[in-house]
Amino acid sequence: MIRLNNVSRSYNSGSSSTTALSNITLNIKKGEFIAIVGPSGSGKTTLLNIIGGLDTPTTGEVLFNKKNLKKLNDDQLSKYRNNEIGFIFQEFHLEPHLSVYDNVLLPAYFNNKTQKEENRTKKLIEEVQLSKKSQSKASELSGGEKQRTAIARALINNPQIILADEPTGNLDLKTGATILKLLKTLHKNHNTTLIVATHDEKIAASANKIIKL
């Protein structure tokens, strides 16, 4: 489903250059649960961003269902990010003044939302056990509730791939365990490919495959 061929990513600052990734080649199959592990600064977030179309490799290529992301124009790349990818961030990135319901539904607005997406929003909020908080503003939520909202939002457009960057990094151990259980359940129920960058040993142990950077 996803193939990276000799992918490298370097960043230039003045006369110096920093290599975030060097000659990464890997294959990810549809439906897999992948954990990307490694020390801080090893390139985990960069790798997720490149797979998700938020960043481009300096050299090498990324293929999604045999389509080369480098050959997509801006409009096609935007559609790829919105339709095929669901993003879950460590910092949540919710709109603080919007309700849980509106935060989950937000990505669907870029696809000309319909009643179908509104019904799906209600179902996803129920799946992540936030029905009673549906109309609460994101700023009023606990860390665990914010992450559950972000997970539901990532699923709203029925993406084929979920990219999660340290999804338990800002949570206590108990809440982190709850989020891990939820991710595993949703991965199974929604038949998505789940790729998680993490320091969490429990997440890594739950994955089908571990990629070490």
C-alpha atoms as a PDB file:
ATOM      1  CA  MET A   1       0.000   0.000   0.000  1.00  0.00           C
ATOM      2  CA  ILE A   2       2.864   2.372   0.884  1.00  0.00           C
ATOM      3  CA  ARG A   3       6.404   2.094  -0.419  1.00  0.00           C
ATOM      4  CA  LEU A   4       9.355   4.347   0.335  1.00  0.00           C
ATOM      5  CA  ASN A   5      12.327   4.035  -2.015  1.00  0.00           C
ATOM      6  CA  ASN A   6      15.648   5.432  -0.723  1.00  0.00           C
ATOM      7  CA  VAL A   7      13.973   8.379   0.985  1.00  0.00           C
ATOM      8  CA  SER A   8      16.212  11.021   2.539  1.00  0.00           C
ATOM      9  CA  ARG A   9      15.323  14.409   4.013  1.00  0.00           C
ATOM     10  CA  SER A  10      17.780  17.196   4.754  1.00  0.00           C
ATOM     11  CA  TYR A  11      17.174  20.703   6.069  1.00  0.00           C
ATOM     12  CA  ASN A  12      19.461  23.627   5.303  1.00  0.00           C
ATOM     13  CA  SER A  13      20.065  26.512   7.669  1.00  0.00           C
ATOM     14  CA  GLY A  14      22.573  29.015   6.416  1.00  0.00           C
ATOM     15  CA  SER A  15      25.754  27.145   5.581  1.00  0.00           C
ATOM     16  CA  SER A  16      24.863  24.067   7.670  1.00  0.00           C
ATOM     17  CA  SER A  17      22.734  21.071   6.729  1.00  0.00           C
ATOM     18  CA  THR A  18      20.901  18.594   8.991  1.00  0.00           C
ATOM     19  CA  THR A  19      19.913  15.126   7.800  1.00  0.00           C
ATOM     20  CA  ALA A  20      16.615  13.991   9.351  1.00  0.00           C
ATOM     21  CA  LEU A  21      16.267  10.795   7.310  1.00  0.00           C
ATOM     22  CA  SER A  22      18.849   8.880   5.316  1.00  0.00           C
ATOM     23  CA  ASN A  23      18.033   6.316   2.603  1.00  0.00           C
ATOM     24  CA  ILE A  24      14.859   4.857   4.089  1.00  0.00           C
ATOM     25  CA  THR A  25      13.332   1.992   2.104  1.00  0.00           C
ATOM     26  CA  LEU A  26      10.282   0.180   3.449  1.00  0.00           C
ATOM     27  CA  ASN A  27       6.946  -1.366   2.515  1.00  0.00           C
ATOM     28  CA  ILE A  28       3.726  -1.060   4.511  1.00  0.00           C
ATOM     29  CA  LYS A  29       0.805  -3.352   3.724  1.00  0.00           C
ATOM     30  CA  LYS A  30      -2.863  -2.430   3.896  1.00  0.00           C
ATOM     31  CA  GLY A  31      -4.312  -2.989   7.368  1.00  0.00           C
ATOM     32  CA  GLU A  32      -0.983  -3.222   9.213  1.00  0.00           C
ATOM     33  CA  PHE A  33      -0.348  -1.650  12.608  1.00  0.00           C
ATOM     34  CA  ILE A  34       3.166  -0.184  12.449  1.00  0.00           C
ATOM     35  CA  ALA A  35       5.131   1.325  15.328  1.00  0.00           C
ATOM     36  CA  ILE A  36       8.003   3.679  14.466  1.00  0.00           C
ATOM     37  CA  VAL A  37      10.454   3.901  17.360  1.00  0.00           C
ATOM     38  CA  GLY A  38      13.756   5.605  17.990  1.00  0.00           C
ATOM     39  CA  PRO A  39      15.342   8.330  20.111  1.00  0.00           C
ATOM     40  CA  SER A  40      14.303  11.981  19.879  1.00  0.00           C
ATOM     41  CA  GLY A  41      15.714  13.519  16.713  1.00  0.00           C
ATOM     42  CA  SER A  42      15.887  10.211  14.829  1.00  0.00           C
ATOM     43  CA  GLY A  43      13.325  11.344  12.232  1.00  0.00           C
ATOM     44  CA  LYS A  44      10.085   9.695  13.385  1.00  0.00           C
ATOM     45  CA  THR A  45       7.932  12.793  12.869  1.00  0.00           C
ATOM     46  CA  THR A  46       9.671  13.594   9.585  1.00  0.00           C
ATOM     47  CA  LEU A  47       8.899  10.091   8.327  1.00  0.00           C
ATOM     48  CA  LEU A  48       5.214  10.458   9.250  1.00  0.00           C
ATOM     49  CA  ASN A  49       5.051  13.875   7.592  1.00  0.00           C
ATOM     50  CA  ILE A  50       6.540  12.509   4.376  1.00  0.00           C
ATOM     51  CA  ILE A  51       4.101   9.575   4.284  1.00  0.00           C
ATOM     52  CA  GLY A  52       1.242  11.988   4.993  1.00  0.00           C
ATOM     53  CA  GLY A  53       2.216  14.435   2.271  1.00  0.00           C
ATOM     54  CA  LEU A  54       3.008  17.256   4.727  1.00  0.00           C
ATOM     55  CA  ASP A  55       6.670  17.179   3.712  1.00  0.00           C
ATOM     56  CA  THR A  56       8.574  16.019   0.640  1.00  0.00           C
ATOM     57  CA  PRO A  57      11.776  13.983   0.492  1.00  0.00           C
ATOM     58  CA  THR A  58      15.000  15.640  -0.583  1.00  0.00           C
ATOM     59  CA  THR A  59      15.764  12.462  -2.531  1.00  0.00           C
ATOM     60  CA  GLY A  60      13.860   9.244  -3.124  1.00  0.00           C
ATOM     61  CA  GLU A  61      10.162   8.622  -3.686  1.00  0.00           C
ATOM     62  CA  VAL A  62       6.988   7.750  -1.780  1.00  0.00           C
ATOM     63  CA  LEU A  63       4.364   5.588  -3.473  1.00  0.00           C
ATOM     64  CA  PHE A  64       0.767   5.244  -2.294  1.00  0.00           C
ATOM     65  CA  ASN A  65      -1.071   2.485  -4.167  1.00  0.00           C
ATOM     66  CA  LYS A  66       1.654   2.822  -6.837  1.00  0.00           C
ATOM     67  CA  LYS A  67       1.075   6.587  -7.228  1.00  0.00           C
ATOM     68  CA  ASN A  68       4.187   8.726  -6.728  1.00  0.00           C
ATOM     69  CA  LEU A  69       3.339  11.541  -4.275  1.00  0.00           C
ATOM     70  CA  LYS A  70       6.046  13.722  -5.823  1.00  0.00           C
ATOM     71  CA  LYS A  71       4.111  13.794  -9.108  1.00  0.00           C
ATOM     72  CA  LEU A  72       0.861  15.046  -7.547  1.00  0.00           C
ATOM     73  CA  ASN A  73      -0.025  18.711  -7.986  1.00  0.00           C
ATOM     74  CA  ASP A  74      -1.081  20.852  -4.994  1.00  0.00           C
ATOM     75  CA  ASP A  75      -4.777  20.080  -5.435  1.00  0.00           C
ATOM     76  CA  GLN A  76      -4.189  16.337  -5.756  1.00  0.00           C
ATOM     77  CA  LEU A  77      -1.875  16.347  -2.745  1.00  0.00           C
ATOM     78  CA  SER A  78      -4.467  18.225  -0.665  1.00  0.00           C
ATOM     79  CA  LYS A  79      -7.086  15.622  -1.599  1.00  0.00           C
ATOM     80  CA  TYR A  80      -4.645  12.846  -0.668  1.00  0.00           C
ATOM     81  CA  ARG A  81      -4.065  14.384   2.767  1.00  0.00           C
ATOM     82  CA  ASN A  82      -7.761  14.975   3.430  1.00  0.00           C
ATOM     83  CA  ASN A  83      -9.248  11.798   1.952  1.00  0.00           C
ATOM     84  CA  GLU A  84      -6.615   9.109   2.453  1.00  0.00           C
ATOM     85  CA  ILE A  85      -4.849  10.258   5.646  1.00  0.00           C
ATOM     86  CA  GLY A  86      -6.114  10.784   9.175  1.00  0.00           C
ATOM     87  CA  PHE A  87      -3.675  12.699  11.392  1.00  0.00           C
ATOM     88  CA  ILE A  88      -3.421  12.362  15.189  1.00  0.00           C
ATOM     89  CA  PHE A  89      -0.962  14.764  16.825  1.00  0.00           C
ATOM     90  CA  GLN A  90       0.669  14.797  20.259  1.00  0.00           C
ATOM     91  CA  GLU A  91      -0.482  18.398  20.744  1.00  0.00           C
ATOM     92  CA  PHE A  92      -4.070  17.516  19.631  1.00  0.00           C
ATOM     93  CA  HIS A  93      -4.419  20.623  17.376  1.00  0.00           C
ATOM     94  CA  LEU A  94      -8.122  21.061  18.096  1.00  0.00           C
ATOM     95  CA  GLU A  95      -9.960  24.342  17.552  1.00  0.00           C
ATOM     96  CA  PRO A  96     -10.418  25.424  21.208  1.00  0.00           C
ATOM     97  CA  HIS A  97     -13.620  27.431  20.704  1.00  0.00           C
ATOM     98  CA  LEU A  98     -15.383  24.735  18.666  1.00  0.00           C
ATOM     99  CA  SER A  99     -17.369  21.902  20.205  1.00  0.00           C
ATOM    100  CA  VAL A 100     -16.283  18.274  20.122  1.00  0.00           C
ATOM    101  CA  TYR A 101     -18.888  17.690  17.399  1.00  0.00           C
ATOM    102  CA  ASP A 102     -17.633  20.554  15.205  1.00  0.00           C
ATOM    103  CA  ASN A 103     -13.973  19.606  15.680  1.00  0.00           C
ATOM    104  CA  VAL A 104     -14.673  16.050  14.533  1.00  0.00           C
ATOM    105  CA  LEU A 105     -16.726  17.228  11.553  1.00  0.00           C
ATOM    106  CA  LEU A 106     -14.229  19.931  10.494  1.00  0.00           C
ATOM    107  CA  PRO A 107     -12.243  17.919   7.868  1.00  0.00           C
ATOM    108  CA  ALA A 108     -15.500  17.005   6.121  1.00  0.00           C
ATOM    109  CA  TYR A 109     -16.170  20.676   5.324  1.00  0.00           C
ATOM    110  CA  PHE A 110     -13.346  20.515   2.778  1.00  0.00           C
ATOM    111  CA  ASN A 111     -15.230  17.676   1.057  1.00  0.00           C
ATOM    112  CA  ASN A 112     -18.571  19.523   0.946  1.00  0.00           C
ATOM    113  CA  LYS A 113     -20.001  17.710   3.948  1.00  0.00           C
ATOM    114  CA  THR A 114     -23.333  15.911   3.672  1.00  0.00           C
ATOM    115  CA  GLN A 115     -25.804  14.346   6.082  1.00  0.00           C
ATOM    116  CA  LYS A 116     -23.734  11.173   5.785  1.00  0.00           C
ATOM    117  CA  GLU A 117     -20.728  12.854   7.403  1.00  0.00           C
ATOM    118  CA  GLU A 118     -22.900  14.407  10.112  1.00  0.00           C
ATOM    119  CA  ASN A 119     -24.294  10.966  10.963  1.00  0.00           C
ATOM    120  CA  ARG A 120     -20.762   9.532  10.917  1.00  0.00           C
ATOM    121  CA  THR A 121     -19.626  12.268  13.305  1.00  0.00           C
ATOM    122  CA  LYS A 122     -22.254  11.255  15.847  1.00  0.00           C
ATOM    123  CA  LYS A 123     -21.281   7.590  15.491  1.00  0.00           C
ATOM    124  CA  LEU A 124     -17.554   8.293  15.904  1.00  0.00           C
ATOM    125  CA  ILE A 125     -18.148  10.465  18.970  1.00  0.00           C
ATOM    126  CA  GLU A 126     -20.104   7.575  20.429  1.00  0.00           C
ATOM    127  CA  GLU A 127     -17.287   5.145  19.563  1.00  0.00           C
ATOM    128  CA  VAL A 128     -14.734   7.235  21.439  1.00  0.00           C
ATOM    129  CA  GLN A 129     -17.182   7.528  24.357  1.00  0.00           C
ATOM    130  CA  LEU A 130     -17.685  11.285  24.233  1.00  0.00           C
ATOM    131  CA  SER A 131     -21.426  11.499  23.540  1.00  0.00           C
ATOM    132  CA  LYS A 132     -22.025  13.421  26.767  1.00  0.00           C
ATOM    133  CA  LYS A 133     -19.318  15.912  25.770  1.00  0.00           C
ATOM    134  CA  SER A 134     -20.461  16.369  22.167  1.00  0.00           C
ATOM    135  CA  GLN A 135     -21.371  20.051  22.612  1.00  0.00           C
ATOM    136  CA  SER A 136     -18.527  20.906  25.022  1.00  0.00           C
ATOM    137  CA  LYS A 137     -15.811  23.209  23.712  1.00  0.00           C
ATOM    138  CA  ALA A 138     -12.408  21.641  23.154  1.00  0.00           C
ATOM    139  CA  SER A 139     -10.899  24.084  25.673  1.00  0.00           C
ATOM    140  CA  GLU A 140     -13.078  22.499  28.385  1.00  0.00           C
ATOM    141  CA  LEU A 141     -11.810  18.944  27.840  1.00  0.00           C
ATOM    142  CA  SER A 142      -9.215  16.899  29.702  1.00  0.00           C
ATOM    143  CA  GLY A 143      -6.108  15.678  27.863  1.00  0.00           C
ATOM    144  CA  GLY A 144      -7.590  12.237  27.305  1.00  0.00           C
ATOM    145  CA  GLU A 145     -10.849  13.706  26.024  1.00  0.00           C
ATOM    146  CA  LYS A 146      -8.961  15.967  23.632  1.00  0.00           C
ATOM    147  CA  GLN A 147      -7.037  13.006  22.242  1.00  0.00           C
ATOM    148  CA  ARG A 148     -10.225  10.957  21.817  1.00  0.00           C
ATOM    149  CA  THR A 149     -11.738  13.910  19.953  1.00  0.00           C
ATOM    150  CA  ALA A 150      -8.643  14.074  17.736  1.00  0.00           C
ATOM    151  CA  ILE A 151      -8.900  10.338  17.020  1.00  0.00           C
ATOM    152  CA  ALA A 152     -12.551  10.665  15.980  1.00  0.00           C
ATOM    153  CA  ARG A 153     -11.616  13.637  13.780  1.00  0.00           C
ATOM    154  CA  ALA A 154      -8.901  11.570  12.102  1.00  0.00           C
ATOM    155  CA  LEU A 155     -11.514   8.980  11.093  1.00  0.00           C
ATOM    156  CA  ILE A 156     -14.255  11.312   9.796  1.00  0.00           C
ATOM    157  CA  ASN A 157     -13.330  11.047   6.095  1.00  0.00           C
ATOM    158  CA  ASN A 158     -12.895   7.262   6.351  1.00  0.00           C
ATOM    159  CA  PRO A 159      -9.159   7.401   5.532  1.00  0.00           C
ATOM    160  CA  GLN A 160      -7.118   4.393   4.516  1.00  0.00           C
ATOM    161  CA  ILE A 161      -4.182   5.450   6.722  1.00  0.00           C
ATOM    162  CA  ILE A 162      -4.016   6.821  10.255  1.00  0.00           C
ATOM    163  CA  LEU A 163      -0.768   8.588  11.171  1.00  0.00           C
ATOM    164  CA  ALA A 164      -0.330   9.131  14.913  1.00  0.00           C
ATOM    165  CA  ASP A 165       2.609  11.142  16.268  1.00  0.00           C
ATOM    166  CA  GLU A 166       3.232  10.293  19.942  1.00  0.00           C
ATOM    167  CA  PRO A 167      -0.525   9.960  20.642  1.00  0.00           C
ATOM    168  CA  THR A 168       0.066   9.182  24.334  1.00  0.00           C
ATOM    169  CA  GLY A 169       3.021  11.565  24.816  1.00  0.00           C
ATOM    170  CA  ASN A 170       1.052  14.248  26.702  1.00  0.00           C
ATOM    171  CA  LEU A 171      -1.064  11.831  28.739  1.00  0.00           C
ATOM    172  CA  ASP A 172      -0.634  10.082  32.087  1.00  0.00           C
ATOM    173  CA  LEU A 173      -0.071   6.317  32.107  1.00  0.00           C
ATOM    174  CA  LYS A 174      -3.696   5.371  32.807  1.00  0.00           C
ATOM    175  CA  THR A 175      -5.113   7.685  30.142  1.00  0.00           C
ATOM    176  CA  GLY A 176      -2.405   6.565  27.712  1.00  0.00           C
ATOM    177  CA  ALA A 177      -3.433   2.938  28.221  1.00  0.00           C
ATOM    178  CA  THR A 178      -7.051   3.894  27.483  1.00  0.00           C
ATOM    179  CA  ILE A 179      -6.006   5.667  24.261  1.00  0.00           C
ATOM    180  CA  LEU A 180      -3.924   2.644  23.180  1.00  0.00           C
ATOM    181  CA  LYS A 181      -6.885   0.325  23.724  1.00  0.00           C
ATOM    182  CA  LEU A 182      -9.103   2.680  21.733  1.00  0.00           C
ATOM    183  CA  LEU A 183      -6.615   2.898  18.843  1.00  0.00           C
ATOM    184  CA  LYS A 184      -6.363  -0.885  18.646  1.00  0.00           C
ATOM    185  CA  THR A 185     -10.146  -1.257  18.630  1.00  0.00           C
ATOM    186  CA  LEU A 186     -10.675   1.412  15.979  1.00  0.00           C
ATOM    187  CA  HIS A 187      -7.833   0.004  13.850  1.00  0.00           C
ATOM    188  CA  LYS A 188      -9.601  -3.326  13.808  1.00  0.00           C
ATOM    189  CA  ASN A 189     -13.162  -2.019  13.369  1.00  0.00           C
ATOM    190  CA  HIS A 190     -12.366   0.507  10.618  1.00  0.00           C
ATOM    191  CA  ASN A 191      -9.827  -1.641   8.736  1.00  0.00           C
ATOM    192  CA  THR A 192      -7.304   1.187   8.542  1.00  0.00           C
ATOM    193  CA  THR A 193      -3.537   1.084   8.246  1.00  0.00           C
ATOM    194  CA  LEU A 194      -2.239   2.496  11.535  1.00  0.00           C
ATOM    195  CA  ILE A 195       1.259   4.012  11.701  1.00  0.00           C
ATOM    196  CA  VAL A 196       2.333   5.329  15.102  1.00  0.00           C
ATOM    197  CA  ALA A 197       5.535   7.170  16.020  1.00  0.00           C
ATOM    198  CA  THR A 198       6.063   6.506  19.696  1.00  0.00           C
ATOM    199  CA  HIS A 199       8.322   6.186  22.724  1.00  0.00           C
ATOM    200  CA  ASP A 200       5.597   4.125  24.424  1.00  0.00           C
ATOM    201  CA  GLU A 201       6.786   0.520  24.813  1.00  0.00           C
ATOM    202  CA  LYS A 202       3.197  -0.726  25.187  1.00  0.00           C
ATOM    203  CA  ILE A 203       2.220   0.723  21.813  1.00  0.00           C
ATOM    204  CA  ALA A 204       5.300  -0.793  20.186  1.00  0.00           C
ATOM    205  CA  ALA A 205       4.558  -4.184  21.740  1.00  0.00           C
ATOM    206  CA  SER A 206       1.011  -4.083  20.344  1.00  0.00           C
ATOM    207  CA  ALA A 207       2.065  -3.393  16.746  1.00  0.00           C
ATOM    208  CA  ASN A 208       2.308  -5.949  13.928  1.00  0.00           C
ATOM    209  CA  LYS A 209       5.671  -4.511  12.920  1.00  0.00           C
ATOM    210  CA  ILE A 210       8.260  -2.236  14.543  1.00  0.00           C
ATOM    211  CA  ILE A 211      10.410   0.117  12.464  1.00  0.00           C
ATOM    212  CA  LYS A 212      13.476   1.367  14.338  1.00  0.00           C
ATOM    213  CA  LEU A 213      15.210   4.593  13.326  1.00  0.00           C
END
